[in-house]
């Protein structure tokens, strides 16, 4: 259950701050093709950030470009995009092990996705910026996996959503075919700017591109909000309930112990 609330009378809180969305957040990775396990960042094919907004049935599956979160302490920037907007069972189907045939190498195996973090998030409008803030519930003690993937116990990032009409440098970003195609009324929210941050529903379109910029490692104090986590275990973790991920299909060592699998 998601519980995020503003603190009253907090001297750190700005009058212009507003919680515009809250929900559950998950981090996961897929090892490279034909790899039985990952042992470091080089063995990862894709890193996922999955957001489940409160009172919404579908999940946002985001892919981060450098296969990790940006460093919150050094204000690093990382590009990402929304790969899918799907129900939990549909996401799990994509996250399973897959086999496919190639002409040159025969049958190839794409390993199943491994969960690497579970927590609660809030999208906070602060001035002109939209901030993504989260706090982990699992693992209880982040390990080597979380350290490699920059998954802090809690952190916050400035989130800016790219205008697909603005274009990208050669070789960067998604192709015109892959990028989001917003309805005209939604597209007007960009008002000709390269990026927008007013409406998180701009993320509810496959192909939506965004930039995450590391901002804080103490979001509760910085934004005057309480992000209340629950005591999760391997038995009752939300990631298995909402994403329908079975521990038999998806190794849980990274999620529970912070160990590579």
Protein backbone atom coordinates (compact mmCIF):
# COMPACT_ATOMS: atom_id res chain seq x y z
CA UNK A 1 0.00 0.00 0.00
CA UNK A 2 1.30 3.45 -0.96
CA UNK A 3 1.52 6.10 1.76
CA UNK A 4 3.03 9.46 0.89
CA UNK A 5 2.01 12.68 2.62
CA UNK A 6 3.15 16.24 3.12
CA UNK A 7 4.50 17.33 6.49
CA UNK A 8 2.75 20.29 8.05
CA UNK A 9 4.84 23.25 9.02
CA UNK A 10 8.10 21.73 7.78
CA UNK A 11 10.62 24.58 7.44
CA UNK A 12 12.34 22.76 4.56
CA UNK A 13 9.15 22.50 2.50
CA UNK A 14 8.42 25.05 -0.21
CA UNK A 15 4.95 26.54 -0.61
CA UNK A 16 5.08 25.75 -4.35
CA UNK A 17 5.52 22.00 -3.79
CA UNK A 18 2.73 19.60 -4.66
CA UNK A 19 2.51 15.80 -4.76
CA UNK A 20 1.00 15.13 -8.19
CA UNK A 21 1.32 11.33 -8.24
CA UNK A 22 2.34 8.48 -5.96
CA UNK A 23 2.62 4.75 -6.31
CA UNK A 24 4.86 1.70 -6.22
CA UNK A 25 8.21 1.53 -8.00
CA UNK A 26 10.31 -1.46 -9.05
CA UNK A 27 13.80 -1.83 -10.46
CA UNK A 28 14.90 -4.85 -12.49
CA UNK A 29 17.52 -5.97 -15.00
CA UNK A 30 17.90 -8.55 -17.75
CA UNK A 31 21.26 -10.29 -18.30
CA UNK A 32 22.70 -10.38 -21.79
CA UNK A 33 21.64 -13.03 -24.30
CA UNK A 34 22.97 -16.49 -23.43
CA UNK A 35 24.21 -15.30 -20.00
CA UNK A 36 23.08 -17.55 -17.14
CA UNK A 37 23.67 -14.75 -14.64
CA UNK A 38 25.00 -11.22 -14.39
CA UNK A 39 28.02 -10.40 -12.25
CA UNK A 40 28.36 -6.69 -12.99
CA UNK A 41 27.02 -3.90 -15.20
CA UNK A 42 28.80 -5.28 -18.28
CA UNK A 43 26.64 -8.43 -18.12
CA UNK A 44 23.35 -6.50 -18.22
CA UNK A 45 21.38 -6.05 -21.42
CA UNK A 46 18.66 -3.76 -20.04
CA UNK A 47 17.81 -2.00 -16.80
CA UNK A 48 14.16 -1.30 -16.06
CA UNK A 49 12.31 1.12 -13.83
CA UNK A 50 8.64 0.16 -13.46
CA UNK A 51 6.10 2.59 -12.01
CA UNK A 52 2.64 1.56 -10.80
CA UNK A 53 0.66 4.78 -10.15
CA UNK A 54 -1.92 4.58 -7.38
CA UNK A 55 -5.43 3.80 -8.65
CA UNK A 56 -4.18 2.93 -12.14
CA UNK A 57 -4.38 -0.60 -13.53
CA UNK A 58 -1.49 -0.38 -15.98
CA UNK A 59 2.21 -0.02 -15.31
CA UNK A 60 4.85 2.15 -16.98
CA UNK A 61 7.90 0.12 -18.00
CA UNK A 62 10.86 2.45 -18.50
CA UNK A 63 14.29 1.57 -19.90
CA UNK A 64 17.29 3.61 -18.70
CA UNK A 65 20.03 4.28 -21.24
CA UNK A 66 23.13 3.56 -19.16
CA UNK A 67 21.64 0.45 -17.57
CA UNK A 68 21.53 2.09 -14.13
CA UNK A 69 20.09 5.06 -12.25
CA UNK A 70 21.91 8.41 -12.40
CA UNK A 71 24.15 9.32 -9.50
CA UNK A 72 22.01 11.39 -7.13
CA UNK A 73 24.99 12.91 -5.33
CA UNK A 74 26.78 14.24 -8.42
CA UNK A 75 23.66 15.37 -10.35
CA UNK A 76 24.30 12.96 -13.22
CA UNK A 77 21.95 12.99 -16.23
CA UNK A 78 20.62 9.80 -17.83
CA UNK A 79 18.24 9.41 -20.77
CA UNK A 80 15.42 6.89 -20.76
CA UNK A 81 12.17 6.02 -22.48
CA UNK A 82 8.86 4.30 -21.80
CA UNK A 83 9.07 0.90 -23.46
CA UNK A 84 5.58 -0.29 -22.56
CA UNK A 85 2.32 0.63 -20.85
CA UNK A 86 0.83 -2.70 -19.82
CA UNK A 87 -0.97 -4.72 -17.18
CA UNK A 88 1.02 -6.73 -14.66
CA UNK A 89 0.52 -10.08 -16.42
CA UNK A 90 1.54 -8.56 -19.77
CA UNK A 91 4.69 -7.09 -18.23
CA UNK A 92 5.59 -10.45 -16.68
CA UNK A 93 5.13 -12.11 -20.07
CA UNK A 94 7.70 -9.73 -21.54
CA UNK A 95 10.03 -10.26 -18.58
CA UNK A 96 10.09 -14.06 -18.92
CA UNK A 97 12.83 -16.15 -20.50
CA UNK A 98 12.43 -16.17 -24.29
CA UNK A 99 13.85 -18.38 -27.02
CA UNK A 100 14.21 -17.39 -30.65
CA UNK A 101 15.93 -18.77 -33.74
CA UNK A 102 18.59 -17.05 -35.84
CA UNK A 103 20.02 -18.10 -39.21
CA UNK A 104 23.65 -17.80 -38.17
CA UNK A 105 23.65 -18.88 -34.50
CA UNK A 106 20.67 -21.17 -34.20
CA UNK A 107 18.44 -20.93 -31.14
CA UNK A 108 19.25 -18.13 -28.73
CA UNK A 109 18.05 -17.64 -25.15
CA UNK A 110 17.07 -14.32 -23.63
CA UNK A 111 17.32 -14.77 -19.83
CA UNK A 112 14.44 -13.80 -17.54
CA UNK A 113 14.43 -10.41 -15.85
CA UNK A 114 15.68 -10.25 -12.25
CA UNK A 115 13.96 -7.93 -9.73
CA UNK A 116 16.51 -5.68 -8.01
CA UNK A 117 14.45 -3.25 -5.95
CA UNK A 118 10.96 -2.49 -4.67
CA UNK A 119 9.71 0.68 -3.05
CA UNK A 120 7.32 3.60 -2.94
CA UNK A 121 7.58 6.75 -5.07
CA UNK A 122 6.11 10.21 -5.35
CA UNK A 123 6.17 12.69 -8.22
CA UNK A 124 6.49 16.14 -6.68
CA UNK A 125 5.97 19.40 -8.56
CA UNK A 126 8.50 21.86 -7.18
CA UNK A 127 8.50 25.23 -8.87
CA UNK A 128 8.92 24.53 -12.58
CA UNK A 129 10.46 21.10 -12.06
CA UNK A 130 8.99 17.65 -11.59
CA UNK A 131 10.88 15.50 -9.07
CA UNK A 132 10.76 11.71 -8.84
CA UNK A 133 11.40 10.68 -5.23
CA UNK A 134 11.45 7.12 -3.92
CA UNK A 135 12.35 5.00 -0.90
CA UNK A 136 13.20 1.29 -1.01
CA UNK A 137 11.32 -1.45 0.82
CA UNK A 138 13.42 -4.29 -0.64
CA UNK A 139 16.15 -5.20 -0.24
CA UNK A 140 16.18 -4.21 3.42
CA UNK A 141 19.96 -3.86 3.17
CA UNK A 142 21.09 -2.82 -0.32
CA UNK A 143 23.98 -4.95 -1.58
CA UNK A 144 26.45 -5.06 -4.44
CA UNK A 145 23.70 -5.16 -7.06
CA UNK A 146 22.13 -1.94 -5.80
CA UNK A 147 25.54 -0.27 -5.50
CA UNK A 148 26.40 -1.12 -9.11
CA UNK A 149 23.00 0.05 -10.38
CA UNK A 150 22.98 3.25 -8.26
CA UNK A 151 19.81 2.17 -6.46
CA UNK A 152 20.03 4.20 -3.25
CA UNK A 153 17.95 3.46 -0.15
CA UNK A 154 16.19 6.73 -1.00
CA UNK A 155 16.86 9.32 -3.68
CA UNK A 156 15.26 11.99 -5.85
CA UNK A 157 15.71 13.05 -9.47
CA UNK A 158 14.53 15.91 -11.63
CA UNK A 159 12.34 14.39 -14.34
CA UNK A 160 11.94 16.16 -17.69
CA UNK A 161 9.83 14.69 -20.50
CA UNK A 162 11.06 15.28 -24.05
CA UNK A 163 8.98 16.86 -26.79
CA UNK A 164 9.14 14.39 -29.72
CA UNK A 165 8.73 17.30 -32.15
CA UNK A 166 11.99 18.84 -30.93
CA UNK A 167 14.20 16.17 -32.53
CA UNK A 168 17.40 14.60 -31.23
CA UNK A 169 21.09 14.77 -32.15
CA UNK A 170 22.19 12.21 -34.79
CA UNK A 171 22.42 8.73 -33.30
CA UNK A 172 20.72 9.75 -30.05
CA UNK A 173 17.25 8.96 -28.74
CA UNK A 174 14.51 6.94 -30.39
CA UNK A 175 13.72 6.96 -34.09
CA UNK A 176 10.68 8.84 -35.36
CA UNK A 177 8.86 5.53 -35.70
CA UNK A 178 9.64 4.50 -32.10
CA UNK A 179 9.03 7.79 -30.28
CA UNK A 180 5.73 8.75 -28.66
CA UNK A 181 2.93 10.06 -30.85
CA UNK A 182 0.86 12.29 -28.62
CA UNK A 183 -2.70 13.37 -29.48
CA UNK A 184 -2.78 17.04 -30.45
CA UNK A 185 -4.39 18.24 -27.18
CA UNK A 186 -1.65 16.46 -25.21
CA UNK A 187 1.12 17.66 -27.51
CA UNK A 188 0.12 21.28 -26.85
CA UNK A 189 1.32 20.92 -23.26
CA UNK A 190 4.90 21.25 -24.52
CA UNK A 191 4.09 24.75 -25.87
CA UNK A 192 6.97 24.48 -28.33
CA UNK A 193 9.55 23.67 -25.64
CA UNK A 194 12.05 20.82 -25.86
CA UNK A 195 10.99 19.46 -22.46
CA UNK A 196 7.93 19.60 -20.21
CA UNK A 197 7.43 18.73 -16.57
CA UNK A 198 3.90 19.82 -15.68
CA UNK A 199 1.94 16.62 -16.30
CA UNK A 200 3.17 13.11 -15.41
CA UNK A 201 0.53 11.66 -17.74
CA UNK A 202 2.90 12.54 -20.57
CA UNK A 203 4.66 9.35 -19.44
CA UNK A 204 1.56 7.28 -20.19
CA UNK A 205 2.56 6.85 -23.84
CA UNK A 206 4.90 4.22 -25.22
CA UNK A 207 7.97 5.86 -26.69
CA UNK A 208 7.87 8.83 -24.31
CA UNK A 209 11.47 9.95 -23.76
CA UNK A 210 12.74 11.60 -20.61
CA UNK A 211 15.83 12.79 -18.76
CA UNK A 212 16.55 11.93 -15.12
CA UNK A 213 18.95 14.24 -13.28
CA UNK A 214 20.27 13.24 -9.86
CA UNK A 215 19.03 15.72 -7.26
CA UNK A 216 18.94 14.50 -3.64
CA UNK A 217 19.66 11.51 -1.40
CA UNK A 218 17.46 12.92 1.40
CA UNK A 219 14.14 13.59 -0.39
CA UNK A 220 11.94 13.39 2.69
CA UNK A 221 13.79 16.26 4.33
CA UNK A 222 14.26 18.22 1.10
CA UNK A 223 10.62 18.12 0.01
CA UNK A 224 8.88 17.94 3.37
CA UNK A 225 7.12 14.65 2.59
CA UNK A 226 6.83 11.37 4.45
CA UNK A 227 7.29 8.36 2.19
CA UNK A 228 6.04 5.57 4.41
CA UNK A 229 7.31 2.13 3.44
CA UNK A 230 6.03 -1.24 4.58
CA UNK A 231 7.92 -4.27 5.84
CA UNK A 232 8.18 -6.45 2.74
CA UNK A 233 9.61 -9.97 2.52
CA UNK A 234 10.18 -12.52 -0.22
CA UNK A 235 6.79 -13.98 0.67
CA UNK A 236 4.65 -10.83 0.45
CA UNK A 237 6.62 -8.55 -1.91
CA UNK A 238 4.35 -6.43 -4.11
CA UNK A 239 6.51 -7.08 -7.17
CA UNK A 240 5.29 -10.68 -7.27
CA UNK A 241 1.66 -9.64 -6.81
CA UNK A 242 1.49 -6.64 -9.14
CA UNK A 243 3.89 -7.83 -11.83
CA UNK A 244 2.90 -11.49 -11.41
CA UNK A 245 6.59 -12.42 -11.30
CA UNK A 246 7.11 -15.90 -9.90
CA UNK A 247 10.29 -16.57 -7.88
CA UNK A 248 10.50 -19.86 -9.78
CA UNK A 249 10.87 -17.96 -13.04
CA UNK A 250 12.74 -14.86 -11.87
CA UNK A 251 15.76 -15.26 -9.54
CA UNK A 252 15.18 -13.15 -6.41
CA UNK A 253 18.69 -13.00 -4.95
CA UNK A 254 19.19 -9.41 -6.21
CA UNK A 255 15.90 -8.29 -4.62
CA UNK A 256 16.24 -10.00 -1.24
CA UNK A 257 19.99 -10.13 -0.61
CA UNK A 258 21.44 -7.68 -3.13
CA UNK A 259 23.42 -10.52 -4.72
CA UNK A 260 24.02 -11.00 -8.44
CA UNK A 261 22.15 -13.72 -10.26
